[in-house]
Amino acid sequence: MIGIDVEEPKETCNDPHCPFHGHLKVRGIIIKGRVVSADAQQTVVVERERLHYVPKYERYEKRTGRYPAHLPSCITVEKGDEVIIMECRPLSKTKHFVVVAKQ
C-alpha cells in the first residue's frame, strides 16, 4: 500500500503525517535500526551500526548513524525496539524519516 511489503497497523489514527492513514508519501531509502530514545513528542531516534573498511589498516571500524524519525500514533514502540524507517519529505529541521513498521 505504501510501496514496500510491511504490515499495516491494526489501529487507526488521524495523524496527517502517517503514511498509512494520512497524506504523507514515503520514498527513497529504507533503514532498519534500534530505537534509542522515545522521549520527544511523536519523535523517536533510531540508531544503526555499520562497518566501514579502512584500507590503510586493512580492518573494519564500527560507525553509528542516528536518525530522528516521526512516530505515527497508530504504531507503538519503546526504547530498545527494532523498527523500519523510511525517507519522506522534511517534517522539521532534522526529521526526514517516518516509522513504518515495528519488527
PDB file of N, CA and C in Angstrom:
ATOM      1  N   MET A   1       0.804  -1.195   0.000  1.00  0.00           N
ATOM      2  CA  MET A   1       0.000   0.000   0.000  1.00  0.00           C
ATOM      3  C   MET A   1       0.853   1.268   0.000  1.00  0.00           C
ATOM      4  N   ILE A   2       1.995   1.218   0.718  1.00  0.00           N
ATOM      5  CA  ILE A   2       2.858   2.401   0.739  1.00  0.00           C
ATOM      6  C   ILE A   2       4.091   2.209  -0.134  1.00  0.00           C
ATOM      7  N   GLY A   3       4.177   1.072  -0.826  1.00  0.00           N
ATOM      8  CA  GLY A   3       5.297   0.850  -1.731  1.00  0.00           C
ATOM      9  C   GLY A   3       6.249  -0.232  -1.293  1.00  0.00           C
ATOM     10  N   ILE A   4       6.203  -0.630  -0.010  1.00  0.00           N
ATOM     11  CA  ILE A   4       7.033  -1.737   0.458  1.00  0.00           C
ATOM     12  C   ILE A   4       6.134  -2.747   1.160  1.00  0.00           C
ATOM     13  N   ASP A   5       6.660  -3.944   1.348  1.00  0.00           N
ATOM     14  CA  ASP A   5       5.867  -5.025   1.922  1.00  0.00           C
ATOM     15  C   ASP A   5       5.970  -5.006   3.446  1.00  0.00           C
ATOM     16  N   VAL A   6       5.157  -4.165   4.102  1.00  0.00           N
ATOM     17  CA  VAL A   6       5.066  -4.137   5.561  1.00  0.00           C
ATOM     18  C   VAL A   6       3.604  -4.281   5.952  1.00  0.00           C
ATOM     19  N   GLU A   7       3.399  -4.763   7.166  1.00  0.00           N
ATOM     20  CA  GLU A   7       2.043  -4.967   7.659  1.00  0.00           C
ATOM     21  C   GLU A   7       1.448  -3.637   8.095  1.00  0.00           C
ATOM     22  N   GLU A   8       0.214  -3.365   7.671  1.00  0.00           N
ATOM     23  CA  GLU A   8      -0.461  -2.134   8.066  1.00  0.00           C
ATOM     24  C   GLU A   8      -0.873  -2.236   9.529  1.00  0.00           C
ATOM     25  N   PRO A   9      -0.727  -1.146  10.318  1.00  0.00           N
ATOM     26  CA  PRO A   9      -1.098  -1.197  11.737  1.00  0.00           C
ATOM     27  C   PRO A   9      -2.588  -1.494  11.902  1.00  0.00           C
ATOM     28  N   LYS A  10      -2.912  -2.252  12.974  1.00  0.00           N
ATOM     29  CA  LYS A  10      -4.300  -2.596  13.241  1.00  0.00           C
ATOM     30  C   LYS A  10      -5.092  -1.388  13.750  1.00  0.00           C
ATOM     31  N   GLU A  11      -4.429  -0.508  14.494  1.00  0.00           N
ATOM     32  CA  GLU A  11      -5.079   0.705  14.987  1.00  0.00           C
ATOM     33  C   GLU A  11      -5.187   1.730  13.857  1.00  0.00           C
ATOM     34  N   THR A  12      -6.143   2.633  13.987  1.00  0.00           N
ATOM     35  CA  THR A  12      -6.239   3.746  13.042  1.00  0.00           C
ATOM     36  C   THR A  12      -5.889   5.030  13.776  1.00  0.00           C
ATOM     37  N   CYS A  13      -5.481   6.022  13.020  1.00  0.00           N
ATOM     38  CA  CYS A  13      -5.141   7.308  13.617  1.00  0.00           C
ATOM     39  C   CYS A  13      -5.572   8.417  12.669  1.00  0.00           C
ATOM     40  N   ASN A  14      -5.595   9.632  13.173  1.00  0.00           N
ATOM     41  CA  ASN A  14      -5.924  10.774  12.328  1.00  0.00           C
ATOM     42  C   ASN A  14      -4.723  11.712  12.214  1.00  0.00           C
ATOM     43  N   ASP A  15      -3.521  11.129  12.250  1.00  0.00           N
ATOM     44  CA  ASP A  15      -2.275  11.877  12.109  1.00  0.00           C
ATOM     45  C   ASP A  15      -2.055  12.186  10.622  1.00  0.00           C
ATOM     46  N   PRO A  16      -1.952  13.464  10.235  1.00  0.00           N
ATOM     47  CA  PRO A  16      -1.728  13.771   8.812  1.00  0.00           C
ATOM     48  C   PRO A  16      -0.355  13.314   8.302  1.00  0.00           C
ATOM     49  N   HIS A  17       0.594  13.072   9.221  1.00  0.00           N
ATOM     50  CA  HIS A  17       1.930  12.629   8.826  1.00  0.00           C
ATOM     51  C   HIS A  17       2.092  11.116   8.922  1.00  0.00           C
ATOM     52  N   CYS A  18       0.992  10.370   8.906  1.00  0.00           N
ATOM     53  CA  CYS A  18       1.040   8.905   8.917  1.00  0.00           C
ATOM     54  C   CYS A  18       1.013   8.412   7.475  1.00  0.00           C
ATOM     55  N   PRO A  19       1.954   7.538   7.078  1.00  0.00           N
ATOM     56  CA  PRO A  19       1.946   7.053   5.694  1.00  0.00           C
ATOM     57  C   PRO A  19       0.766   6.128   5.391  1.00  0.00           C
ATOM     58  N   PHE A  20       0.134   5.557   6.420  1.00  0.00           N
ATOM     59  CA  PHE A  20      -0.985   4.636   6.216  1.00  0.00           C
ATOM     60  C   PHE A  20      -2.340   5.351   6.242  1.00  0.00           C
ATOM     61  N   HIS A  21      -2.538   6.274   7.193  1.00  0.00           N
ATOM     62  CA  HIS A  21      -3.846   6.906   7.380  1.00  0.00           C
ATOM     63  C   HIS A  21      -3.843   8.397   7.063  1.00  0.00           C
ATOM     64  N   GLY A  22      -2.696   8.963   6.774  1.00  0.00           N
ATOM     65  CA  GLY A  22      -2.596  10.395   6.472  1.00  0.00           C
ATOM     66  C   GLY A  22      -2.240  10.630   5.019  1.00  0.00           C
ATOM     67  N   HIS A  23      -1.582  11.759   4.771  1.00  0.00           N
ATOM     68  CA  HIS A  23      -1.267  12.166   3.403  1.00  0.00           C
ATOM     69  C   HIS A  23       0.230  12.134   3.106  1.00  0.00           C
ATOM     70  N   LEU A  24       1.037  11.563   4.008  1.00  0.00           N
ATOM     71  CA  LEU A  24       2.488  11.585   3.837  1.00  0.00           C
ATOM     72  C   LEU A  24       2.931  10.490   2.867  1.00  0.00           C
ATOM     73  N   LYS A  25       3.697  10.885   1.864  1.00  0.00           N
ATOM     74  CA  LYS A  25       4.227   9.923   0.899  1.00  0.00           C
ATOM     75  C   LYS A  25       5.659   9.561   1.312  1.00  0.00           C
ATOM     76  N   VAL A  26       5.995   8.275   1.192  1.00  0.00           N
ATOM     77  CA  VAL A  26       7.340   7.823   1.533  1.00  0.00           C
ATOM     78  C   VAL A  26       8.067   7.455   0.248  1.00  0.00           C
ATOM     79  N   ARG A  27       9.408   7.648   0.284  1.00  0.00           N
ATOM     80  CA  ARG A  27      10.227   7.374  -0.899  1.00  0.00           C
ATOM     81  C   ARG A  27      11.658   7.175  -0.431  1.00  0.00           C
ATOM     82  N   GLY A  28      12.518   6.798  -1.315  1.00  0.00           N
ATOM     83  CA  GLY A  28      13.941   6.775  -1.009  1.00  0.00           C
ATOM     84  C   GLY A  28      14.382   5.585  -0.183  1.00  0.00           C
ATOM     85  N   ILE A  29      15.284   5.852   0.760  1.00  0.00           N
ATOM     86  CA  ILE A  29      15.967   4.764   1.454  1.00  0.00           C
ATOM     87  C   ILE A  29      15.134   4.189   2.599  1.00  0.00           C
ATOM     88  N   ILE A  30      15.390   2.915   2.884  1.00  0.00           N
ATOM     89  CA  ILE A  30      14.744   2.190   3.975  1.00  0.00           C
ATOM     90  C   ILE A  30      15.843   1.787   4.952  1.00  0.00           C
ATOM     91  N   ILE A  31      15.649   2.077   6.243  1.00  0.00           N
ATOM     92  CA  ILE A  31      16.664   1.799   7.263  1.00  0.00           C
ATOM     93  C   ILE A  31      16.050   0.942   8.359  1.00  0.00           C
ATOM     94  N   LYS A  32      16.772  -0.109   8.749  1.00  0.00           N
ATOM     95  CA  LYS A  32      16.381  -0.925   9.898  1.00  0.00           C
ATOM     96  C   LYS A  32      17.305  -0.559  11.046  1.00  0.00           C
ATOM     97  N   GLY A  33      16.739  -0.268  12.202  1.00  0.00           N
ATOM     98  CA  GLY A  33      17.565   0.126  13.332  1.00  0.00           C
ATOM     99  C   GLY A  33      16.851  -0.084  14.652  1.00  0.00           C
ATOM    100  N   ARG A  34      17.507   0.394  15.730  1.00  0.00           N
ATOM    101  CA  ARG A  34      17.020   0.224  17.088  1.00  0.00           C
ATOM    102  C   ARG A  34      16.664   1.585  17.670  1.00  0.00           C
ATOM    103  N   VAL A  35      15.537   1.659  18.364  1.00  0.00           N
ATOM    104  CA  VAL A  35      15.105   2.909  18.985  1.00  0.00           C
ATOM    105  C   VAL A  35      15.963   3.153  20.225  1.00  0.00           C
ATOM    106  N   VAL A  36      16.650   4.297  20.280  1.00  0.00           N
ATOM    107  CA  VAL A  36      17.486   4.618  21.429  1.00  0.00           C
ATOM    108  C   VAL A  36      16.873   5.716  22.281  1.00  0.00           C
ATOM    109  N   SER A  37      15.897   6.440  21.743  1.00  0.00           N
ATOM    110  CA  SER A  37      15.220   7.483  22.510  1.00  0.00           C
ATOM    111  C   SER A  37      13.802   7.636  21.999  1.00  0.00           C
ATOM    112  N   ALA A  38      12.859   7.677  22.934  1.00  0.00           N
ATOM    113  CA  ALA A  38      11.459   7.889  22.584  1.00  0.00           C
ATOM    114  C   ALA A  38      10.865   8.962  23.495  1.00  0.00           C
ATOM    115  N   ASP A  39      11.694   9.913  23.913  1.00  0.00           N
ATOM    116  CA  ASP A  39      11.280  10.919  24.885  1.00  0.00           C
ATOM    117  C   ASP A  39      10.496  12.070  24.266  1.00  0.00           C
ATOM    118  N   ALA A  40      10.815  12.448  23.035  1.00  0.00           N
ATOM    119  CA  ALA A  40      10.159  13.594  22.401  1.00  0.00           C
ATOM    120  C   ALA A  40       8.754  13.220  21.948  1.00  0.00           C
ATOM    121  N   GLN A  41       7.928  14.229  21.768  1.00  0.00           N
ATOM    122  CA  GLN A  41       6.544  14.010  21.369  1.00  0.00           C
ATOM    123  C   GLN A  41       6.480  13.633  19.884  1.00  0.00           C
ATOM    124  N   GLN A  42       5.940  12.468  19.570  1.00  0.00           N
ATOM    125  CA  GLN A  42       5.789  11.939  18.210  1.00  0.00           C
ATOM    126  C   GLN A  42       7.111  11.803  17.470  1.00  0.00           C
ATOM    127  N   THR A  43       8.212  11.645  18.198  1.00  0.00           N
ATOM    128  CA  THR A  43       9.526  11.510  17.577  1.00  0.00           C
ATOM    129  C   THR A  43      10.321  10.425  18.284  1.00  0.00           C
ATOM    130  N   VAL A  44      11.013   9.598  17.528  1.00  0.00           N
ATOM    131  CA  VAL A  44      11.947   8.622  18.079  1.00  0.00           C
ATOM    132  C   VAL A  44      13.294   8.816  17.399  1.00  0.00           C
ATOM    133  N   VAL A  45      14.354   8.426  18.089  1.00  0.00           N
ATOM    134  CA  VAL A  45      15.693   8.458  17.496  1.00  0.00           C
ATOM    135  C   VAL A  45      16.102   7.020  17.250  1.00  0.00           C
ATOM    136  N   VAL A  46      16.392   6.699  15.995  1.00  0.00           N
ATOM    137  CA  VAL A  46      16.752   5.344  15.583  1.00  0.00           C
ATOM    138  C   VAL A  46      18.242   5.317  15.298  1.00  0.00           C
ATOM    139  N   GLU A  47      18.920   4.292  15.840  1.00  0.00           N
ATOM    140  CA  GLU A  47      20.368   4.169  15.676  1.00  0.00           C
ATOM    141  C   GLU A  47      20.673   2.920  14.856  1.00  0.00           C
ATOM    142  N   ARG A  48      21.642   3.058  13.933  1.00  0.00           N
ATOM    143  CA  ARG A  48      22.042   1.948  13.072  1.00  0.00           C
ATOM    144  C   ARG A  48      23.563   1.875  13.057  1.00  0.00           C
ATOM    145  N   GLU A  49      24.093   0.666  13.242  1.00  0.00           N
ATOM    146  CA  GLU A  49      25.538   0.466  13.175  1.00  0.00           C
ATOM    147  C   GLU A  49      25.902  -0.149  11.834  1.00  0.00           C
ATOM    148  N   ARG A  50      27.045   0.274  11.304  1.00  0.00           N
ATOM    149  CA  ARG A  50      27.525  -0.292  10.052  1.00  0.00           C
ATOM    150  C   ARG A  50      29.039  -0.419  10.148  1.00  0.00           C
ATOM    151  N   LEU A  51      29.620  -1.246   9.293  1.00  0.00           N
ATOM    152  CA  LEU A  51      31.069  -1.433   9.266  1.00  0.00           C
ATOM    153  C   LEU A  51      31.657  -0.648   8.109  1.00  0.00           C
ATOM    154  N   HIS A  52      32.752   0.060   8.382  1.00  0.00           N
ATOM    155  CA  HIS A  52      33.439   0.855   7.367  1.00  0.00           C
ATOM    156  C   HIS A  52      34.862   0.331   7.236  1.00  0.00           C
ATOM    157  N   TYR A  53      35.280   0.035   6.024  1.00  0.00           N
ATOM    158  CA  TYR A  53      36.609  -0.516   5.776  1.00  0.00           C
ATOM    159  C   TYR A  53      37.640   0.599   5.721  1.00  0.00           C
ATOM    160  N   VAL A  54      38.751   0.412   6.454  1.00  0.00           N
ATOM    161  CA  VAL A  54      39.868   1.366   6.443  1.00  0.00           C
ATOM    162  C   VAL A  54      41.021   0.690   5.708  1.00  0.00           C
ATOM    163  N   PRO A  55      41.296   1.120   4.462  1.00  0.00           N
ATOM    164  CA  PRO A  55      42.315   0.434   3.647  1.00  0.00           C
ATOM    165  C   PRO A  55      43.719   0.482   4.246  1.00  0.00           C
ATOM    166  N   LYS A  56      44.075   1.581   4.917  1.00  0.00           N
ATOM    167  CA  LYS A  56      45.425   1.715   5.459  1.00  0.00           C
ATOM    168  C   LYS A  56      45.741   0.607   6.465  1.00  0.00           C
ATOM    169  N   TYR A  57      44.774   0.283   7.319  1.00  0.00           N
ATOM    170  CA  TYR A  57      44.992  -0.725   8.356  1.00  0.00           C
ATOM    171  C   TYR A  57      44.389  -2.084   7.987  1.00  0.00           C
ATOM    172  N   GLU A  58      43.740  -2.163   6.825  1.00  0.00           N
ATOM    173  CA  GLU A  58      43.109  -3.381   6.347  1.00  0.00           C
ATOM    174  C   GLU A  58      42.163  -3.975   7.390  1.00  0.00           C
ATOM    175  N   ARG A  59      41.389  -3.112   8.012  1.00  0.00           N
ATOM    176  CA  ARG A  59      40.446  -3.526   9.040  1.00  0.00           C
ATOM    177  C   ARG A  59      39.142  -2.757   8.883  1.00  0.00           C
ATOM    178  N   TYR A  60      38.148  -3.211   9.630  1.00  0.00           N
ATOM    179  CA  TYR A  60      36.857  -2.542   9.646  1.00  0.00           C
ATOM    180  C   TYR A  60      36.681  -1.803  10.961  1.00  0.00           C
ATOM    181  N   GLU A  61      35.954  -0.683  10.900  1.00  0.00           N
ATOM    182  CA  GLU A  61      35.599   0.043  12.114  1.00  0.00           C
ATOM    183  C   GLU A  61      34.082   0.214  12.150  1.00  0.00           C
ATOM    184  N   LYS A  62      33.543   0.255  13.370  1.00  0.00           N
ATOM    185  CA  LYS A  62      32.106   0.447  13.524  1.00  0.00           C
ATOM    186  C   LYS A  62      31.781   1.924  13.424  1.00  0.00           C
ATOM    187  N   ARG A  63      30.744   2.229  12.681  1.00  0.00           N
ATOM    188  CA  ARG A  63      30.249   3.598  12.599  1.00  0.00           C
ATOM    189  C   ARG A  63      28.765   3.581  12.935  1.00  0.00           C
ATOM    190  N   THR A  64      28.315   4.614  13.631  1.00  0.00           N
ATOM    191  CA  THR A  64      26.938   4.677  14.089  1.00  0.00           C
ATOM    192  C   THR A  64      26.241   5.865  13.466  1.00  0.00           C
ATOM    193  N   GLY A  65      25.046   5.647  12.967  1.00  0.00           N
ATOM    194  CA  GLY A  65      24.221   6.734  12.440  1.00  0.00           C
ATOM    195  C   GLY A  65      22.961   6.853  13.277  1.00  0.00           C
ATOM    196  N   ARG A  66      22.575   8.079  13.600  1.00  0.00           N
ATOM    197  CA  ARG A  66      21.363   8.323  14.380  1.00  0.00           C
ATOM    198  C   ARG A  66      20.401   9.131  13.522  1.00  0.00           C
ATOM    199  N   TYR A  67      19.149   8.683  13.464  1.00  0.00           N
ATOM    200  CA  TYR A  67      18.148   9.297  12.602  1.00  0.00           C
ATOM    201  C   TYR A  67      16.899   9.641  13.411  1.00  0.00           C
ATOM    202  N   PRO A  68      16.558  10.925  13.554  1.00  0.00           N
ATOM    203  CA  PRO A  68      15.270  11.264  14.162  1.00  0.00           C
ATOM    204  C   PRO A  68      14.155  10.916  13.181  1.00  0.00           C
ATOM    205  N   ALA A  69      13.099  10.273  13.675  1.00  0.00           N
ATOM    206  CA  ALA A  69      12.008   9.843  12.810  1.00  0.00           C
ATOM    207  C   ALA A  69      10.667  10.148  13.461  1.00  0.00           C
ATOM    208  N   HIS A  70       9.672  10.460  12.632  1.00  0.00           N
ATOM    209  CA  HIS A  70       8.318  10.718  13.118  1.00  0.00           C
ATOM    210  C   HIS A  70       7.662   9.404  13.498  1.00  0.00           C
ATOM    211  N   LEU A  71       6.953   9.391  14.626  1.00  0.00           N
ATOM    212  CA  LEU A  71       6.259   8.196  15.090  1.00  0.00           C
ATOM    213  C   LEU A  71       4.759   8.437  15.021  1.00  0.00           C
ATOM    214  N   PRO A  72       4.063   7.829  14.042  1.00  0.00           N
ATOM    215  CA  PRO A  72       2.607   7.977  13.978  1.00  0.00           C
ATOM    216  C   PRO A  72       1.951   7.369  15.216  1.00  0.00           C
ATOM    217  N   SER A  73       0.786   7.897  15.588  1.00  0.00           N
ATOM    218  CA  SER A  73       0.129   7.437  16.811  1.00  0.00           C
ATOM    219  C   SER A  73      -0.434   6.024  16.685  1.00  0.00           C
ATOM    220  N   CYS A  74      -0.533   5.467  15.473  1.00  0.00           N
ATOM    221  CA  CYS A  74      -1.057   4.101  15.304  1.00  0.00           C
ATOM    222  C   CYS A  74       0.021   3.038  15.519  1.00  0.00           C
ATOM    223  N   ILE A  75       1.287   3.439  15.642  1.00  0.00           N
ATOM    224  CA  ILE A  75       2.387   2.495  15.884  1.00  0.00           C
ATOM    225  C   ILE A  75       2.942   2.768  17.276  1.00  0.00           C
ATOM    226  N   THR A  76       3.039   1.726  18.100  1.00  0.00           N
ATOM    227  CA  THR A  76       3.576   1.886  19.452  1.00  0.00           C
ATOM    228  C   THR A  76       4.938   1.228  19.542  1.00  0.00           C
ATOM    229  N   VAL A  77       5.950   2.006  19.898  1.00  0.00           N
ATOM    230  CA  VAL A  77       7.299   1.470  20.090  1.00  0.00           C
ATOM    231  C   VAL A  77       7.854   2.008  21.394  1.00  0.00           C
ATOM    232  N   GLU A  78       8.810   1.278  21.940  1.00  0.00           N
ATOM    233  CA  GLU A  78       9.504   1.685  23.150  1.00  0.00           C
ATOM    234  C   GLU A  78      11.004   1.662  22.896  1.00  0.00           C
ATOM    235  N   LYS A  79      11.745   2.177  23.844  1.00  0.00           N
ATOM    236  CA  LYS A  79      13.196   2.185  23.741  1.00  0.00           C
ATOM    237  C   LYS A  79      13.710   0.751  23.663  1.00  0.00           C
ATOM    238  N   GLY A  80      14.577   0.474  22.694  1.00  0.00           N
ATOM    239  CA  GLY A  80      15.135  -0.857  22.508  1.00  0.00           C
ATOM    240  C   GLY A  80      14.469  -1.674  21.425  1.00  0.00           C
ATOM    241  N   ASP A  81      13.334  -1.225  20.899  1.00  0.00           N
ATOM    242  CA  ASP A  81      12.626  -1.956  19.851  1.00  0.00           C
ATOM    243  C   ASP A  81      13.330  -1.810  18.505  1.00  0.00           C
ATOM    244  N   GLU A  82      13.234  -2.849  17.676  1.00  0.00           N
ATOM    245  CA  GLU A  82      13.748  -2.803  16.311  1.00  0.00           C
ATOM    246  C   GLU A  82      12.637  -2.286  15.401  1.00  0.00           C
ATOM    247  N   VAL A  83      12.945  -1.270  14.575  1.00  0.00           N
ATOM    248  CA  VAL A  83      11.945  -0.670  13.700  1.00  0.00           C
ATOM    249  C   VAL A  83      12.489  -0.512  12.285  1.00  0.00           C
ATOM    250  N   ILE A  84      11.568  -0.279  11.357  1.00  0.00           N
ATOM    251  CA  ILE A  84      11.926   0.057   9.977  1.00  0.00           C
ATOM    252  C   ILE A  84      11.462   1.482   9.754  1.00  0.00           C
ATOM    253  N   ILE A  85      12.373   2.344   9.296  1.00  0.00           N
ATOM    254  CA  ILE A  85      12.016   3.722   8.976  1.00  0.00           C
ATOM    255  C   ILE A  85      12.240   3.953   7.494  1.00  0.00           C
ATOM    256  N   MET A  86      11.496   4.902   6.956  1.00  0.00           N
ATOM    257  CA  MET A  86      11.589   5.177   5.527  1.00  0.00           C
ATOM    258  C   MET A  86      11.646   6.680   5.312  1.00  0.00           C
ATOM    259  N   GLU A  87      12.348   7.088   4.272  1.00  0.00           N
ATOM    260  CA  GLU A  87      12.546   8.502   3.975  1.00  0.00           C
ATOM    261  C   GLU A  87      11.243   9.143   3.495  1.00  0.00           C
ATOM    262  N   CYS A  88      11.061  10.410   3.861  1.00  0.00           N
ATOM    263  CA  CYS A  88       9.898  11.175   3.403  1.00  0.00           C
ATOM    264  C   CYS A  88      10.353  12.632   3.226  1.00  0.00           C
ATOM    265  N   ARG A  89       9.399  13.500   2.948  1.00  0.00           N
ATOM    266  CA  ARG A  89       9.753  14.910   2.832  1.00  0.00           C
ATOM    267  C   ARG A  89      10.167  15.430   4.207  1.00  0.00           C
ATOM    268  N   PRO A  90      10.891  16.561   4.296  1.00  0.00           N
ATOM    269  CA  PRO A  90      11.277  17.090   5.603  1.00  0.00           C
ATOM    270  C   PRO A  90      10.046  17.478   6.436  1.00  0.00           C
ATOM    271  N   LEU A  91       9.980  16.928   7.662  1.00  0.00           N
ATOM    272  CA  LEU A  91       8.866  17.228   8.559  1.00  0.00           C
ATOM    273  C   LEU A  91       9.254  18.312   9.559  1.00  0.00           C
ATOM    274  N   SER A  92      10.552  18.491   9.786  1.00  0.00           N
ATOM    275  CA  SER A  92      11.064  19.563  10.640  1.00  0.00           C
ATOM    276  C   SER A  92      12.517  19.808  10.232  1.00  0.00           C
ATOM    277  N   LYS A  93      13.240  20.523  11.050  1.00  0.00           N
ATOM    278  CA  LYS A  93      14.630  20.835  10.713  1.00  0.00           C
ATOM    279  C   LYS A  93      15.477  19.565  10.594  1.00  0.00           C
ATOM    280  N   THR A  94      15.226  18.568  11.440  1.00  0.00           N
ATOM    281  CA  THR A  94      16.048  17.358  11.425  1.00  0.00           C
ATOM    282  C   THR A  94      15.291  16.097  11.021  1.00  0.00           C
ATOM    283  N   LYS A  95      13.965  16.094  11.070  1.00  0.00           N
ATOM    284  CA  LYS A  95      13.192  14.876  10.784  1.00  0.00           C
ATOM    285  C   LYS A  95      12.924  14.735   9.292  1.00  0.00           C
ATOM    286  N   HIS A  96      13.498  13.666   8.697  1.00  0.00           N
ATOM    287  CA  HIS A  96      13.293  13.358   7.283  1.00  0.00           C
ATOM    288  C   HIS A  96      12.865  11.907   7.098  1.00  0.00           C
ATOM    289  N   PHE A  97      12.509  11.236   8.205  1.00  0.00           N
ATOM    290  CA  PHE A  97      12.135   9.833   8.177  1.00  0.00           C
ATOM    291  C   PHE A  97      10.841   9.637   8.962  1.00  0.00           C
ATOM    292  N   VAL A  98      10.168   8.512   8.681  1.00  0.00           N
ATOM    293  CA  VAL A  98       8.940   8.156   9.400  1.00  0.00           C
ATOM    294  C   VAL A  98       8.997   6.657   9.692  1.00  0.00           C
ATOM    295  N   VAL A  99       8.508   6.270  10.879  1.00  0.00           N
ATOM    296  CA  VAL A  99       8.468   4.852  11.258  1.00  0.00           C
ATOM    297  C   VAL A  99       7.333   4.186  10.497  1.00  0.00           C
ATOM    298  N   VAL A 100       7.649   3.085   9.780  1.00  0.00           N
ATOM    299  CA  VAL A 100       6.605   2.386   9.012  1.00  0.00           C
ATOM    300  C   VAL A 100       6.286   1.016   9.588  1.00  0.00           C
ATOM    301  N   ALA A 101       7.167   0.426  10.416  1.00  0.00           N
ATOM    302  CA  ALA A 101       6.884  -0.887  10.971  1.00  0.00           C
ATOM    303  C   ALA A 101       7.743  -1.152  12.198  1.00  0.00           C
ATOM    304  N   LYS A 102       7.200  -1.995  13.066  1.00  0.00           N
ATOM    305  CA  LYS A 102       7.949  -2.478  14.216  1.00  0.00           C
ATOM    306  C   LYS A 102       8.259  -3.939  13.970  1.00  0.00           C
ATOM    307  N   GLN A 103       9.512  -4.351  14.150  1.00  0.00           N
ATOM    308  CA  GLN A 103       9.886  -5.747  13.874  1.00  0.00           C
ATOM    309  C   GLN A 103       9.796  -6.606  15.088  1.00  0.00           C
TER     310      GLN A 103
END
